[in-house]
Amino acid sequence: MTTTFHTTNGDIEGGNLPRPGVPATAARWLLEQPDPANGWGRLDRLALEANRSGEDTPERIFAAVTVADSPPQYWGDSTLRATINGLANRIPPPVEQEGPAETLPQWESYHSLKVFRIRAW
């Protein structure tokens, strides 16, 4: 038996989920699904909102998204950096990355995250 969920992020954010019997992890998974209108999940939107509000380094975006996001949070710094890299690789890209490497490093790097700047369009 296959179960298909038909919902939008607005349903979840508007308080319609979680429903009784739907664990927080499943509700969060639904929330992270790409919005049909723009293809962005919740983490994409939170990163863009932080950047558009003036947070321009990976560390500052991380701090702002951590405050803005509601539990349960199933992401960390490398997931957020991958999200920012993904936004920068979209066509057209909603953000531009400036720094000593083409993308934000995911793990260890010779480059400090402090030298990277993210600019939303």
N, C-alpha and C. Protein backbone atom coordinates (compact mmCIF):
# COMPACT_ATOMS: atom_id res chain seq x y z
N MET A 1 0.84 -1.18 0.00
CA MET A 1 0.00 0.00 0.00
C MET A 1 0.88 1.24 0.00
N THR A 2 0.60 2.18 -0.87
CA THR A 2 1.35 3.41 -0.95
C THR A 2 0.49 4.56 -0.47
N THR A 3 1.08 5.40 0.37
CA THR A 3 0.38 6.59 0.86
C THR A 3 0.99 7.80 0.22
N THR A 4 0.19 8.67 -0.33
CA THR A 4 0.66 9.90 -0.94
C THR A 4 0.09 11.08 -0.16
N PHE A 5 0.97 12.02 0.19
CA PHE A 5 0.54 13.23 0.88
C PHE A 5 0.39 14.35 -0.14
N HIS A 6 -0.74 14.99 -0.13
CA HIS A 6 -0.96 16.15 -0.98
C HIS A 6 -1.13 17.35 -0.07
N THR A 7 -0.13 18.19 -0.03
CA THR A 7 -0.17 19.35 0.85
C THR A 7 0.73 20.43 0.29
N THR A 8 0.65 21.56 0.85
CA THR A 8 1.57 22.65 0.52
C THR A 8 2.23 23.08 1.80
N ASN A 9 3.33 23.78 1.68
CA ASN A 9 4.01 24.27 2.87
C ASN A 9 3.11 25.20 3.65
N GLY A 10 2.20 25.90 2.99
CA GLY A 10 1.27 26.78 3.68
C GLY A 10 0.36 26.02 4.62
N ASP A 11 -0.03 24.79 4.25
CA ASP A 11 -0.86 23.97 5.13
C ASP A 11 -0.15 23.70 6.44
N ILE A 12 1.11 23.35 6.34
CA ILE A 12 1.88 23.00 7.53
C ILE A 12 2.18 24.25 8.34
N GLU A 13 2.68 25.30 7.68
CA GLU A 13 3.03 26.52 8.39
C GLU A 13 1.80 27.18 8.98
N GLY A 14 0.64 26.98 8.37
CA GLY A 14 -0.59 27.57 8.87
C GLY A 14 -1.17 26.84 10.06
N GLY A 15 -0.49 25.79 10.53
CA GLY A 15 -0.93 25.10 11.72
C GLY A 15 -1.81 23.89 11.45
N ASN A 16 -1.99 23.50 10.18
CA ASN A 16 -2.85 22.37 9.87
C ASN A 16 -2.15 21.03 10.11
N LEU A 17 -0.85 21.01 10.30
CA LEU A 17 -0.10 19.81 10.63
C LEU A 17 0.81 20.16 11.79
N PRO A 18 1.21 19.29 12.65
CA PRO A 18 0.94 17.88 12.55
C PRO A 18 -0.47 17.53 12.96
N ARG A 19 -0.99 16.55 12.33
CA ARG A 19 -2.31 16.01 12.66
C ARG A 19 -2.11 14.92 13.71
N PRO A 20 -3.17 14.60 14.44
CA PRO A 20 -3.04 13.49 15.39
C PRO A 20 -2.55 12.23 14.67
N GLY A 21 -1.57 11.60 15.24
CA GLY A 21 -1.02 10.40 14.65
C GLY A 21 0.11 10.64 13.67
N VAL A 22 0.38 11.91 13.32
CA VAL A 22 1.48 12.23 12.42
C VAL A 22 2.65 12.71 13.29
N PRO A 23 3.70 11.91 13.38
CA PRO A 23 4.83 12.31 14.22
C PRO A 23 5.47 13.61 13.73
N ALA A 24 6.13 14.28 14.63
CA ALA A 24 6.79 15.55 14.30
C ALA A 24 7.79 15.39 13.16
N THR A 25 8.46 14.24 13.10
CA THR A 25 9.43 14.03 12.02
C THR A 25 8.76 13.98 10.66
N ALA A 26 7.59 13.35 10.58
CA ALA A 26 6.88 13.28 9.30
C ALA A 26 6.34 14.66 8.91
N ALA A 27 5.83 15.39 9.88
CA ALA A 27 5.34 16.74 9.60
C ALA A 27 6.49 17.62 9.13
N ARG A 28 7.66 17.48 9.76
CA ARG A 28 8.81 18.27 9.35
C ARG A 28 9.26 17.88 7.95
N TRP A 29 9.24 16.59 7.64
CA TRP A 29 9.61 16.14 6.31
C TRP A 29 8.69 16.79 5.27
N LEU A 30 7.40 16.82 5.55
CA LEU A 30 6.46 17.46 4.63
C LEU A 30 6.78 18.94 4.47
N LEU A 31 7.14 19.58 5.55
CA LEU A 31 7.47 21.00 5.52
C LEU A 31 8.69 21.28 4.64
N GLU A 32 9.62 20.36 4.62
CA GLU A 32 10.85 20.55 3.84
C GLU A 32 10.65 20.27 2.35
N GLN A 33 9.52 19.72 1.97
CA GLN A 33 9.31 19.42 0.55
C GLN A 33 9.25 20.72 -0.25
N PRO A 34 9.80 20.70 -1.45
CA PRO A 34 9.83 21.92 -2.26
C PRO A 34 8.44 22.49 -2.52
N ASP A 35 8.34 23.80 -2.45
CA ASP A 35 7.12 24.50 -2.78
C ASP A 35 6.91 24.37 -4.28
N PRO A 36 5.72 24.01 -4.73
CA PRO A 36 5.49 23.85 -6.17
C PRO A 36 5.71 25.14 -6.96
N ALA A 37 5.52 26.28 -6.34
CA ALA A 37 5.64 27.56 -7.05
C ALA A 37 7.09 27.92 -7.35
N ASN A 38 8.02 27.66 -6.41
CA ASN A 38 9.39 28.10 -6.63
C ASN A 38 10.44 27.01 -6.41
N GLY A 39 10.03 25.86 -5.94
CA GLY A 39 10.96 24.76 -5.74
C GLY A 39 11.78 24.83 -4.47
N TRP A 40 11.51 25.80 -3.60
CA TRP A 40 12.29 25.97 -2.38
C TRP A 40 11.63 25.26 -1.21
N GLY A 41 12.45 24.56 -0.42
CA GLY A 41 12.00 23.99 0.84
C GLY A 41 12.14 25.01 1.95
N ARG A 42 11.78 24.63 3.16
CA ARG A 42 11.83 25.54 4.30
C ARG A 42 13.24 26.06 4.56
N LEU A 43 14.25 25.19 4.52
CA LEU A 43 15.61 25.63 4.79
C LEU A 43 16.09 26.63 3.73
N ASP A 44 15.72 26.40 2.48
CA ASP A 44 16.04 27.37 1.41
C ASP A 44 15.46 28.74 1.75
N ARG A 45 14.17 28.75 2.11
CA ARG A 45 13.50 30.02 2.39
C ARG A 45 14.10 30.73 3.60
N LEU A 46 14.40 29.96 4.65
CA LEU A 46 14.98 30.58 5.84
C LEU A 46 16.37 31.15 5.55
N ALA A 47 17.18 30.46 4.76
CA ALA A 47 18.50 30.96 4.40
C ALA A 47 18.39 32.23 3.57
N LEU A 48 17.46 32.25 2.62
CA LEU A 48 17.25 33.45 1.81
C LEU A 48 16.76 34.62 2.66
N GLU A 49 15.83 34.36 3.56
CA GLU A 49 15.31 35.42 4.43
C GLU A 49 16.43 36.00 5.29
N ALA A 50 17.29 35.14 5.83
CA ALA A 50 18.40 35.62 6.65
C ALA A 50 19.35 36.47 5.82
N ASN A 51 19.65 36.00 4.62
CA ASN A 51 20.57 36.75 3.76
C ASN A 51 19.97 38.08 3.33
N ARG A 52 18.71 38.07 2.97
CA ARG A 52 18.05 39.32 2.54
C ARG A 52 17.90 40.32 3.69
N SER A 53 17.95 39.81 4.93
CA SER A 53 17.85 40.72 6.07
C SER A 53 19.22 41.25 6.50
N GLY A 54 20.26 40.89 5.75
CA GLY A 54 21.57 41.47 6.02
C GLY A 54 22.64 40.52 6.48
N GLU A 55 22.31 39.27 6.76
CA GLU A 55 23.31 38.29 7.18
C GLU A 55 24.05 37.83 5.94
N ASP A 56 25.35 38.11 5.86
CA ASP A 56 26.06 37.86 4.59
C ASP A 56 27.20 36.86 4.68
N THR A 57 27.41 36.25 5.83
CA THR A 57 28.43 35.20 5.93
C THR A 57 27.73 33.89 6.28
N PRO A 58 28.36 32.77 5.93
CA PRO A 58 27.75 31.48 6.27
C PRO A 58 27.46 31.35 7.77
N GLU A 59 28.37 31.84 8.60
CA GLU A 59 28.17 31.72 10.05
C GLU A 59 26.99 32.57 10.53
N ARG A 60 26.85 33.77 10.00
CA ARG A 60 25.74 34.64 10.41
C ARG A 60 24.41 34.12 9.88
N ILE A 61 24.41 33.58 8.67
CA ILE A 61 23.19 32.97 8.13
C ILE A 61 22.80 31.78 8.99
N PHE A 62 23.78 30.96 9.36
CA PHE A 62 23.51 29.80 10.22
C PHE A 62 22.86 30.25 11.53
N ALA A 63 23.42 31.27 12.17
CA ALA A 63 22.88 31.75 13.45
C ALA A 63 21.45 32.25 13.28
N ALA A 64 21.19 33.00 12.22
CA ALA A 64 19.84 33.54 11.99
C ALA A 64 18.83 32.43 11.70
N VAL A 65 19.22 31.45 10.89
CA VAL A 65 18.32 30.35 10.55
C VAL A 65 18.04 29.50 11.79
N THR A 66 19.04 29.30 12.62
CA THR A 66 18.85 28.53 13.86
C THR A 66 17.79 29.18 14.74
N VAL A 67 17.82 30.50 14.84
CA VAL A 67 16.83 31.22 15.65
C VAL A 67 15.45 31.17 14.99
N ALA A 68 15.41 31.31 13.68
CA ALA A 68 14.13 31.38 12.96
C ALA A 68 13.44 30.04 12.82
N ASP A 69 14.19 28.96 12.81
CA ASP A 69 13.61 27.64 12.58
C ASP A 69 13.00 27.09 13.86
N SER A 70 11.95 26.31 13.67
CA SER A 70 11.29 25.71 14.82
C SER A 70 11.70 24.24 14.95
N PRO A 71 11.72 23.73 16.18
CA PRO A 71 12.07 22.31 16.37
C PRO A 71 10.97 21.41 15.82
N PRO A 72 11.25 20.22 15.46
CA PRO A 72 12.58 19.60 15.50
C PRO A 72 13.41 20.03 14.29
N GLN A 73 14.68 20.31 14.53
CA GLN A 73 15.60 20.69 13.47
C GLN A 73 16.45 19.49 13.11
N TYR A 74 16.43 19.13 11.84
CA TYR A 74 17.18 17.97 11.37
C TYR A 74 18.25 18.40 10.37
N TRP A 75 18.91 19.48 10.66
CA TRP A 75 19.97 19.96 9.78
C TRP A 75 21.09 20.54 10.64
N GLY A 76 22.24 20.69 10.04
CA GLY A 76 23.39 21.27 10.72
C GLY A 76 24.14 22.18 9.76
N ASP A 77 25.36 22.52 10.13
CA ASP A 77 26.11 23.49 9.34
C ASP A 77 26.41 23.00 7.92
N SER A 78 26.79 21.73 7.76
CA SER A 78 27.10 21.26 6.41
C SER A 78 25.84 21.18 5.55
N THR A 79 24.70 20.87 6.14
CA THR A 79 23.44 20.85 5.38
C THR A 79 23.07 22.26 4.93
N LEU A 80 23.24 23.23 5.81
CA LEU A 80 22.92 24.61 5.43
C LEU A 80 23.88 25.11 4.36
N ARG A 81 25.16 24.77 4.47
CA ARG A 81 26.11 25.18 3.42
C ARG A 81 25.75 24.54 2.08
N ALA A 82 25.31 23.29 2.10
CA ALA A 82 24.87 22.63 0.87
C ALA A 82 23.63 23.32 0.31
N THR A 83 22.75 23.77 1.19
CA THR A 83 21.55 24.49 0.77
C THR A 83 21.94 25.80 0.09
N ILE A 84 22.87 26.55 0.69
CA ILE A 84 23.32 27.81 0.10
C ILE A 84 24.01 27.55 -1.24
N ASN A 85 24.84 26.51 -1.30
CA ASN A 85 25.47 26.14 -2.58
C ASN A 85 24.41 25.81 -3.63
N GLY A 86 23.38 25.10 -3.23
CA GLY A 86 22.30 24.76 -4.15
C GLY A 86 21.57 25.99 -4.66
N LEU A 87 21.33 26.95 -3.77
CA LEU A 87 20.69 28.19 -4.21
C LEU A 87 21.57 28.93 -5.21
N ALA A 88 22.88 28.95 -4.96
CA ALA A 88 23.81 29.65 -5.86
C ALA A 88 23.92 28.96 -7.21
N ASN A 89 23.59 27.67 -7.27
CA ASN A 89 23.69 26.92 -8.53
C ASN A 89 22.39 26.87 -9.32
N ARG A 90 21.32 27.46 -8.78
CA ARG A 90 20.05 27.49 -9.52
C ARG A 90 20.17 28.45 -10.70
N ILE A 91 19.28 28.26 -11.66
CA ILE A 91 19.22 29.16 -12.81
C ILE A 91 17.83 29.77 -12.87
N PRO A 92 17.71 31.05 -12.67
CA PRO A 92 18.73 31.99 -12.23
C PRO A 92 18.99 31.83 -10.73
N PRO A 93 20.20 32.13 -10.30
CA PRO A 93 20.53 31.95 -8.89
C PRO A 93 19.95 33.08 -8.03
N PRO A 94 19.28 32.75 -6.93
CA PRO A 94 18.78 33.79 -6.04
C PRO A 94 19.86 34.38 -5.14
N VAL A 95 21.03 33.72 -5.09
CA VAL A 95 22.16 34.23 -4.32
C VAL A 95 23.44 34.09 -5.13
N GLU A 96 24.41 34.92 -4.78
CA GLU A 96 25.74 34.83 -5.37
C GLU A 96 26.74 34.64 -4.24
N GLN A 97 27.70 33.78 -4.46
CA GLN A 97 28.74 33.55 -3.47
C GLN A 97 30.03 34.22 -3.90
N GLU A 98 30.69 34.87 -2.97
CA GLU A 98 32.00 35.46 -3.23
C GLU A 98 32.97 34.88 -2.22
N GLY A 99 34.13 34.45 -2.70
CA GLY A 99 35.13 33.89 -1.80
C GLY A 99 36.24 33.22 -2.57
N PRO A 100 37.16 32.60 -1.85
CA PRO A 100 38.33 32.00 -2.47
C PRO A 100 38.06 30.67 -3.18
N ALA A 101 36.86 30.14 -3.04
CA ALA A 101 36.49 28.89 -3.72
C ALA A 101 35.16 29.09 -4.42
N GLU A 102 34.88 28.24 -5.39
CA GLU A 102 33.65 28.37 -6.18
C GLU A 102 32.39 28.11 -5.35
N THR A 103 32.51 27.22 -4.37
CA THR A 103 31.38 26.90 -3.49
C THR A 103 31.83 26.93 -2.03
N LEU A 104 30.86 26.99 -1.13
CA LEU A 104 31.18 26.91 0.28
C LEU A 104 31.70 25.51 0.60
N PRO A 105 32.75 25.41 1.39
CA PRO A 105 33.25 24.08 1.75
C PRO A 105 32.24 23.34 2.61
N GLN A 106 32.18 22.03 2.43
CA GLN A 106 31.24 21.22 3.20
C GLN A 106 31.85 20.70 4.49
N TRP A 107 33.12 20.45 4.51
CA TRP A 107 33.78 19.94 5.70
C TRP A 107 35.06 20.72 5.91
N GLU A 108 36.17 20.07 6.07
CA GLU A 108 37.44 20.77 6.28
C GLU A 108 37.84 21.50 5.00
N SER A 109 38.49 22.65 5.22
CA SER A 109 38.89 23.46 4.07
C SER A 109 40.10 24.31 4.46
N TYR A 110 40.87 24.68 3.46
CA TYR A 110 41.97 25.61 3.68
C TYR A 110 41.45 27.03 3.85
N HIS A 111 40.20 27.26 3.47
CA HIS A 111 39.62 28.59 3.51
C HIS A 111 38.68 28.73 4.70
N SER A 112 38.84 29.81 5.41
CA SER A 112 37.93 30.11 6.52
C SER A 112 36.57 30.53 5.97
N LEU A 113 35.51 30.14 6.65
CA LEU A 113 34.17 30.58 6.24
C LEU A 113 34.02 32.09 6.37
N LYS A 114 34.85 32.72 7.18
CA LYS A 114 34.75 34.17 7.40
C LYS A 114 35.07 34.97 6.14
N VAL A 115 35.76 34.37 5.18
CA VAL A 115 36.13 35.11 3.97
C VAL A 115 35.09 34.99 2.86
N PHE A 116 34.07 34.18 3.06
CA PHE A 116 33.01 34.03 2.07
C PHE A 116 31.90 35.04 2.33
N ARG A 117 31.31 35.55 1.28
CA ARG A 117 30.16 36.45 1.39
C ARG A 117 29.06 35.90 0.48
N ILE A 118 27.84 36.00 0.98
CA ILE A 118 26.66 35.56 0.24
C ILE A 118 25.81 36.79 -0.01
N ARG A 119 25.39 36.96 -1.24
CA ARG A 119 24.56 38.13 -1.60
C ARG A 119 23.31 37.66 -2.32
N ALA A 120 22.18 37.99 -1.76
CA ALA A 120 20.89 37.64 -2.39
C ALA A 120 20.56 38.65 -3.47
N TRP A 121 19.92 38.17 -4.50
CA TRP A 121 19.48 39.06 -5.59
C TRP A 121 18.06 39.46 -5.38
